[in-house]
Amino acid sequence: MIEPHHPKISIARQCELIGLSRSTYYREEEVRGESQENLDLMKRIDKIYTRYPFFGSRKIREMIKREGRDR
């Protein structure tokens, strides 16, 4: 719905017209840029951290490698 290169209406005004905050527009734009592989990996990291909040990044990386997802 938002045309980022519109010659007359700024992104801020377009967001205002449809009732969308600019931060939401930019956040969704960032998420769209991620590959499905990265999104899946981030979900897995989140699940591990939620279950084991005392694990650090090295331990989480080790668990992911054991699962065969080290790429």
PDB file of N, CA and C in Angstrom:
ATOM      1  N   MET A   1       0.820  -1.199   0.000  1.00  0.00           N
ATOM      2  CA  MET A   1       0.000   0.000   0.000  1.00  0.00           C
ATOM      3  C   MET A   1       0.862   1.260   0.000  1.00  0.00           C
ATOM      4  N   ILE A   2       2.049   1.163   0.556  1.00  0.00           N
ATOM      5  CA  ILE A   2       2.941   2.317   0.618  1.00  0.00           C
ATOM      6  C   ILE A   2       3.831   2.322  -0.620  1.00  0.00           C
ATOM      7  N   GLU A   3       3.910   3.453  -1.282  1.00  0.00           N
ATOM      8  CA  GLU A   3       4.808   3.621  -2.423  1.00  0.00           C
ATOM      9  C   GLU A   3       6.021   4.420  -1.953  1.00  0.00           C
ATOM     10  N   PRO A   4       7.143   3.757  -1.692  1.00  0.00           N
ATOM     11  CA  PRO A   4       8.298   4.449  -1.114  1.00  0.00           C
ATOM     12  C   PRO A   4       8.899   5.541  -2.009  1.00  0.00           C
ATOM     13  N   HIS A   5       8.708   5.449  -3.317  1.00  0.00           N
ATOM     14  CA  HIS A   5       9.313   6.439  -4.219  1.00  0.00           C
ATOM     15  C   HIS A   5       8.270   7.354  -4.854  1.00  0.00           C
ATOM     16  N   HIS A   6       7.165   7.552  -4.146  1.00  0.00           N
ATOM     17  CA  HIS A   6       6.111   8.426  -4.667  1.00  0.00           C
ATOM     18  C   HIS A   6       6.651   9.848  -4.778  1.00  0.00           C
ATOM     19  N   PRO A   7       6.445  10.508  -5.921  1.00  0.00           N
ATOM     20  CA  PRO A   7       7.037  11.833  -6.128  1.00  0.00           C
ATOM     21  C   PRO A   7       6.437  12.953  -5.283  1.00  0.00           C
ATOM     22  N   LYS A   8       5.206  12.794  -4.808  1.00  0.00           N
ATOM     23  CA  LYS A   8       4.550  13.900  -4.106  1.00  0.00           C
ATOM     24  C   LYS A   8       4.197  13.620  -2.649  1.00  0.00           C
ATOM     25  N   ILE A   9       3.998  12.367  -2.306  1.00  0.00           N
ATOM     26  CA  ILE A   9       3.547  12.045  -0.944  1.00  0.00           C
ATOM     27  C   ILE A   9       4.659  11.291  -0.216  1.00  0.00           C
ATOM     28  N   SER A  10       5.090  11.839   0.907  1.00  0.00           N
ATOM     29  CA  SER A  10       6.163  11.205   1.683  1.00  0.00           C
ATOM     30  C   SER A  10       5.684   9.904   2.317  1.00  0.00           C
ATOM     31  N   ILE A  11       6.640   9.091   2.715  1.00  0.00           N
ATOM     32  CA  ILE A  11       6.309   7.832   3.395  1.00  0.00           C
ATOM     33  C   ILE A  11       5.548   8.141   4.683  1.00  0.00           C
ATOM     34  N   ALA A  12       5.989   9.172   5.399  1.00  0.00           N
ATOM     35  CA  ALA A  12       5.324   9.537   6.652  1.00  0.00           C
ATOM     36  C   ALA A  12       3.853   9.869   6.409  1.00  0.00           C
ATOM     37  N   ARG A  13       3.572  10.629   5.356  1.00  0.00           N
ATOM     38  CA  ARG A  13       2.188  11.020   5.056  1.00  0.00           C
ATOM     39  C   ARG A  13       1.370   9.809   4.603  1.00  0.00           C
ATOM     40  N   GLN A  14       1.967   8.943   3.795  1.00  0.00           N
ATOM     41  CA  GLN A  14       1.253   7.746   3.351  1.00  0.00           C
ATOM     42  C   GLN A  14       0.892   6.869   4.543  1.00  0.00           C
ATOM     43  N   CYS A  15       1.825   6.715   5.465  1.00  0.00           N
ATOM     44  CA  CYS A  15       1.550   5.929   6.674  1.00  0.00           C
ATOM     45  C   CYS A  15       0.421   6.555   7.479  1.00  0.00           C
ATOM     46  N   GLU A  16       0.467   7.870   7.585  1.00  0.00           N
ATOM     47  CA  GLU A  16      -0.565   8.586   8.333  1.00  0.00           C
ATOM     48  C   GLU A  16      -1.942   8.368   7.692  1.00  0.00           C
ATOM     49  N   LEU A  17      -1.988   8.416   6.366  1.00  0.00           N
ATOM     50  CA  LEU A  17      -3.260   8.269   5.657  1.00  0.00           C
ATOM     51  C   LEU A  17      -3.887   6.890   5.859  1.00  0.00           C
ATOM     52  N   ILE A  18      -3.083   5.858   5.987  1.00  0.00           N
ATOM     53  CA  ILE A  18      -3.649   4.513   6.177  1.00  0.00           C
ATOM     54  C   ILE A  18      -3.656   4.068   7.631  1.00  0.00           C
ATOM     55  N   GLY A  19      -3.187   4.931   8.529  1.00  0.00           N
ATOM     56  CA  GLY A  19      -3.218   4.610   9.960  1.00  0.00           C
ATOM     57  C   GLY A  19      -2.144   3.643  10.402  1.00  0.00           C
ATOM     58  N   LEU A  20      -0.994   3.690   9.751  1.00  0.00           N
ATOM     59  CA  LEU A  20       0.125   2.808  10.071  1.00  0.00           C
ATOM     60  C   LEU A  20       1.273   3.654  10.618  1.00  0.00           C
ATOM     61  N   SER A  21       1.880   3.221  11.713  1.00  0.00           N
ATOM     62  CA  SER A  21       3.014   3.980  12.225  1.00  0.00           C
ATOM     63  C   SER A  21       4.228   3.750  11.332  1.00  0.00           C
ATOM     64  N   ARG A  22       5.060   4.754  11.205  1.00  0.00           N
ATOM     65  CA  ARG A  22       6.252   4.616  10.356  1.00  0.00           C
ATOM     66  C   ARG A  22       7.170   3.519  10.864  1.00  0.00           C
ATOM     67  N   SER A  23       7.287   3.377  12.181  1.00  0.00           N
ATOM     68  CA  SER A  23       8.169   2.338  12.724  1.00  0.00           C
ATOM     69  C   SER A  23       7.698   0.946  12.300  1.00  0.00           C
ATOM     70  N   THR A  24       6.392   0.733  12.268  1.00  0.00           N
ATOM     71  CA  THR A  24       5.854  -0.552  11.814  1.00  0.00           C
ATOM     72  C   THR A  24       6.189  -0.770  10.348  1.00  0.00           C
ATOM     73  N   TYR A  25       6.054   0.274   9.546  1.00  0.00           N
ATOM     74  CA  TYR A  25       6.384   0.168   8.115  1.00  0.00           C
ATOM     75  C   TYR A  25       7.836  -0.251   7.930  1.00  0.00           C
ATOM     76  N   TYR A  26       8.757   0.404   8.631  1.00  0.00           N
ATOM     77  CA  TYR A  26      10.172   0.085   8.466  1.00  0.00           C
ATOM     78  C   TYR A  26      10.532  -1.273   9.071  1.00  0.00           C
ATOM     79  N   ARG A  27       9.912  -1.642  10.181  1.00  0.00           N
ATOM     80  CA  ARG A  27      10.175  -2.941  10.799  1.00  0.00           C
ATOM     81  C   ARG A  27       9.743  -4.060   9.860  1.00  0.00           C
ATOM     82  N   GLU A  28       8.579  -3.944   9.259  1.00  0.00           N
ATOM     83  CA  GLU A  28       8.095  -4.963   8.334  1.00  0.00           C
ATOM     84  C   GLU A  28       8.982  -5.025   7.099  1.00  0.00           C
ATOM     85  N   GLU A  29       9.514  -3.892   6.687  1.00  0.00           N
ATOM     86  CA  GLU A  29      10.422  -3.853   5.544  1.00  0.00           C
ATOM     87  C   GLU A  29      11.692  -4.639   5.846  1.00  0.00           C
ATOM     88  N   GLU A  30      12.204  -4.523   7.062  1.00  0.00           N
ATOM     89  CA  GLU A  30      13.402  -5.264   7.467  1.00  0.00           C
ATOM     90  C   GLU A  30      13.145  -6.760   7.484  1.00  0.00           C
ATOM     91  N   VAL A  31      11.994  -7.168   7.998  1.00  0.00           N
ATOM     92  CA  VAL A  31      11.677  -8.591   8.089  1.00  0.00           C
ATOM     93  C   VAL A  31      11.544  -9.193   6.696  1.00  0.00           C
ATOM     94  N   ARG A  32      10.957  -8.476   5.780  1.00  0.00           N
ATOM     95  CA  ARG A  32      10.805  -8.984   4.419  1.00  0.00           C
ATOM     96  C   ARG A  32      12.157  -9.241   3.779  1.00  0.00           C
ATOM     97  N   GLY A  33      13.207  -8.552   4.224  1.00  0.00           N
ATOM     98  CA  GLY A  33      14.522  -8.707   3.634  1.00  0.00           C
ATOM     99  C   GLY A  33      15.260  -9.958   4.094  1.00  0.00           C
ATOM    100  N   GLU A  34      14.773 -10.620   5.115  1.00  0.00           N
ATOM    101  CA  GLU A  34      15.438 -11.812   5.639  1.00  0.00           C
ATOM    102  C   GLU A  34      15.058 -13.045   4.827  1.00  0.00           C
ATOM    103  N   SER A  35      16.028 -13.920   4.635  1.00  0.00           N
ATOM    104  CA  SER A  35      15.748 -15.181   3.940  1.00  0.00           C
ATOM    105  C   SER A  35      14.994 -16.107   4.881  1.00  0.00           C
ATOM    106  N   GLN A  36      14.309 -17.070   4.300  1.00  0.00           N
ATOM    107  CA  GLN A  36      13.560 -18.028   5.106  1.00  0.00           C
ATOM    108  C   GLN A  36      14.499 -18.831   5.994  1.00  0.00           C
ATOM    109  N   GLU A  37      15.692 -19.131   5.483  1.00  0.00           N
ATOM    110  CA  GLU A  37      16.677 -19.872   6.263  1.00  0.00           C
ATOM    111  C   GLU A  37      17.059 -19.107   7.530  1.00  0.00           C
ATOM    112  N   ASN A  38      17.297 -17.793   7.397  1.00  0.00           N
ATOM    113  CA  ASN A  38      17.636 -16.979   8.566  1.00  0.00           C
ATOM    114  C   ASN A  38      16.472 -16.897   9.544  1.00  0.00           C
ATOM    115  N   LEU A  39      15.258 -16.751   9.020  1.00  0.00           N
ATOM    116  CA  LEU A  39      14.091 -16.686   9.901  1.00  0.00           C
ATOM    117  C   LEU A  39      13.926 -17.987  10.682  1.00  0.00           C
ATOM    118  N   ASP A  40      14.122 -19.124  10.007  1.00  0.00           N
ATOM    119  CA  ASP A  40      14.028 -20.418  10.691  1.00  0.00           C
ATOM    120  C   ASP A  40      15.095 -20.547  11.772  1.00  0.00           C
ATOM    121  N   LEU A  41      16.309 -20.105  11.461  1.00  0.00           N
ATOM    122  CA  LEU A  41      17.404 -20.170  12.428  1.00  0.00           C
ATOM    123  C   LEU A  41      17.120 -19.274  13.634  1.00  0.00           C
ATOM    124  N   MET A  42      16.602 -18.082  13.387  1.00  0.00           N
ATOM    125  CA  MET A  42      16.274 -17.177  14.494  1.00  0.00           C
ATOM    126  C   MET A  42      15.185 -17.768  15.386  1.00  0.00           C
ATOM    127  N   LYS A  43      14.204 -18.427  14.777  1.00  0.00           N
ATOM    128  CA  LYS A  43      13.151 -19.082  15.569  1.00  0.00           C
ATOM    129  C   LYS A  43      13.742 -20.183  16.438  1.00  0.00           C
ATOM    130  N   ARG A  44      14.673 -20.960  15.862  1.00  0.00           N
ATOM    131  CA  ARG A  44      15.298 -22.053  16.622  1.00  0.00           C
ATOM    132  C   ARG A  44      16.119 -21.496  17.782  1.00  0.00           C
ATOM    133  N   ILE A  45      16.875 -20.440  17.534  1.00  0.00           N
ATOM    134  CA  ILE A  45      17.660 -19.804  18.593  1.00  0.00           C
ATOM    135  C   ILE A  45      16.729 -19.322  19.703  1.00  0.00           C
ATOM    136  N   ASP A  46      15.604 -18.724  19.322  1.00  0.00           N
ATOM    137  CA  ASP A  46      14.645 -18.230  20.305  1.00  0.00           C
ATOM    138  C   ASP A  46      14.076 -19.371  21.142  1.00  0.00           C
ATOM    139  N   LYS A  47      13.764 -20.489  20.502  1.00  0.00           N
ATOM    140  CA  LYS A  47      13.230 -21.638  21.246  1.00  0.00           C
ATOM    141  C   LYS A  47      14.256 -22.189  22.234  1.00  0.00           C
ATOM    142  N   ILE A  48      15.499 -22.292  21.787  1.00  0.00           N
ATOM    143  CA  ILE A  48      16.557 -22.787  22.679  1.00  0.00           C
ATOM    144  C   ILE A  48      16.727 -21.842  23.858  1.00  0.00           C
ATOM    145  N   TYR A  49      16.808 -20.542  23.576  1.00  0.00           N
ATOM    146  CA  TYR A  49      17.017 -19.564  24.649  1.00  0.00           C
ATOM    147  C   TYR A  49      15.838 -19.538  25.622  1.00  0.00           C
ATOM    148  N   THR A  50      14.620 -19.688  25.088  1.00  0.00           N
ATOM    149  CA  THR A  50      13.444 -19.688  25.958  1.00  0.00           C
ATOM    150  C   THR A  50      13.473 -20.884  26.910  1.00  0.00           C
ATOM    151  N   ARG A  51      13.908 -22.015  26.388  1.00  0.00           N
ATOM    152  CA  ARG A  51      13.966 -23.216  27.227  1.00  0.00           C
ATOM    153  C   ARG A  51      15.159 -23.195  28.183  1.00  0.00           C
ATOM    154  N   TYR A  52      16.280 -22.657  27.724  1.00  0.00           N
ATOM    155  CA  TYR A  52      17.514 -22.621  28.525  1.00  0.00           C
ATOM    156  C   TYR A  52      18.046 -21.187  28.587  1.00  0.00           C
ATOM    157  N   PRO A  53      17.415 -20.312  29.334  1.00  0.00           N
ATOM    158  CA  PRO A  53      17.823 -18.906  29.360  1.00  0.00           C
ATOM    159  C   PRO A  53      19.230 -18.676  29.934  1.00  0.00           C
ATOM    160  N   PHE A  54      19.772 -19.678  30.582  1.00  0.00           N
ATOM    161  CA  PHE A  54      21.112 -19.553  31.154  1.00  0.00           C
ATOM    162  C   PHE A  54      22.192 -19.933  30.143  1.00  0.00           C
ATOM    163  N   PHE A  55      21.805 -20.420  28.946  1.00  0.00           N
ATOM    164  CA  PHE A  55      22.786 -20.740  27.907  1.00  0.00           C
ATOM    165  C   PHE A  55      23.300 -19.447  27.272  1.00  0.00           C
ATOM    166  N   GLY A  56      24.574 -19.432  26.994  1.00  0.00           N
ATOM    167  CA  GLY A  56      25.161 -18.323  26.266  1.00  0.00           C
ATOM    168  C   GLY A  56      25.180 -18.615  24.775  1.00  0.00           C
ATOM    169  N   SER A  57      25.734 -17.696  24.019  1.00  0.00           N
ATOM    170  CA  SER A  57      25.749 -17.842  22.564  1.00  0.00           C
ATOM    171  C   SER A  57      26.553 -19.060  22.116  1.00  0.00           C
ATOM    172  N   ARG A  58      27.633 -19.362  22.828  1.00  0.00           N
ATOM    173  CA  ARG A  58      28.455 -20.515  22.437  1.00  0.00           C
ATOM    174  C   ARG A  58      27.710 -21.832  22.621  1.00  0.00           C
ATOM    175  N   LYS A  59      26.997 -21.957  23.712  1.00  0.00           N
ATOM    176  CA  LYS A  59      26.238 -23.180  23.977  1.00  0.00           C
ATOM    177  C   LYS A  59      25.097 -23.330  22.969  1.00  0.00           C
ATOM    178  N   ILE A  60      24.438 -22.227  22.652  1.00  0.00           N
ATOM    179  CA  ILE A  60      23.363 -22.272  21.666  1.00  0.00           C
ATOM    180  C   ILE A  60      23.927 -22.666  20.303  1.00  0.00           C
ATOM    181  N   ARG A  61      25.054 -22.091  19.931  1.00  0.00           N
ATOM    182  CA  ARG A  61      25.695 -22.444  18.659  1.00  0.00           C
ATOM    183  C   ARG A  61      26.045 -23.933  18.627  1.00  0.00           C
ATOM    184  N   GLU A  62      26.546 -24.446  19.746  1.00  0.00           N
ATOM    185  CA  GLU A  62      26.896 -25.864  19.846  1.00  0.00           C
ATOM    186  C   GLU A  62      25.666 -26.749  19.630  1.00  0.00           C
ATOM    187  N   MET A  63      24.540 -26.392  20.237  1.00  0.00           N
ATOM    188  CA  MET A  63      23.311 -27.171  20.069  1.00  0.00           C
ATOM    189  C   MET A  63      22.853 -27.158  18.613  1.00  0.00           C
ATOM    190  N   ILE A  64      22.938 -26.005  17.979  1.00  0.00           N
ATOM    191  CA  ILE A  64      22.513 -25.884  16.584  1.00  0.00           C
ATOM    192  C   ILE A  64      23.424 -26.707  15.685  1.00  0.00           C
ATOM    193  N   LYS A  65      24.716 -26.698  15.967  1.00  0.00           N
ATOM    194  CA  LYS A  65      25.643 -27.494  15.167  1.00  0.00           C
ATOM    195  C   LYS A  65      25.347 -28.971  15.310  1.00  0.00           C
ATOM    196  N   ARG A  66      25.035 -29.424  16.514  1.00  0.00           N
ATOM    197  CA  ARG A  66      24.699 -30.841  16.738  1.00  0.00           C
ATOM    198  C   ARG A  66      23.453 -31.250  15.950  1.00  0.00           C
ATOM    199  N   GLU A  67      22.560 -30.305  15.731  1.00  0.00           N
ATOM    200  CA  GLU A  67      21.340 -30.586  14.971  1.00  0.00           C
ATOM    201  C   GLU A  67      21.601 -30.596  13.468  1.00  0.00           C
ATOM    202  N   GLY A  68      22.816 -30.179  13.067  1.00  0.00           N
ATOM    203  CA  GLY A  68      23.142 -30.147  11.647  1.00  0.00           C
ATOM    204  C   GLY A  68      22.711 -28.875  10.948  1.00  0.00           C
ATOM    205  N   ARG A  69      22.485 -27.834  11.715  1.00  0.00           N
ATOM    206  CA  ARG A  69      22.051 -26.554  11.142  1.00  0.00           C
ATOM    207  C   ARG A  69      23.147 -25.506  11.217  1.00  0.00           C
ATOM    208  N   ASP A  70      24.377 -25.892  11.024  1.00  0.00           N
ATOM    209  CA  ASP A  70      25.496 -24.970  11.222  1.00  0.00           C
ATOM    210  C   ASP A  70      25.823 -24.130  10.003  1.00  0.00           C
ATOM    211  N   ARG A  71      24.994 -24.126   9.017  1.00  0.00           N
ATOM    212  CA  ARG A  71      25.286 -23.322   7.816  1.00  0.00           C
ATOM    213  C   ARG A  71      24.729 -21.960   7.912  1.00  0.00           C
TER     214      ARG A  71
END
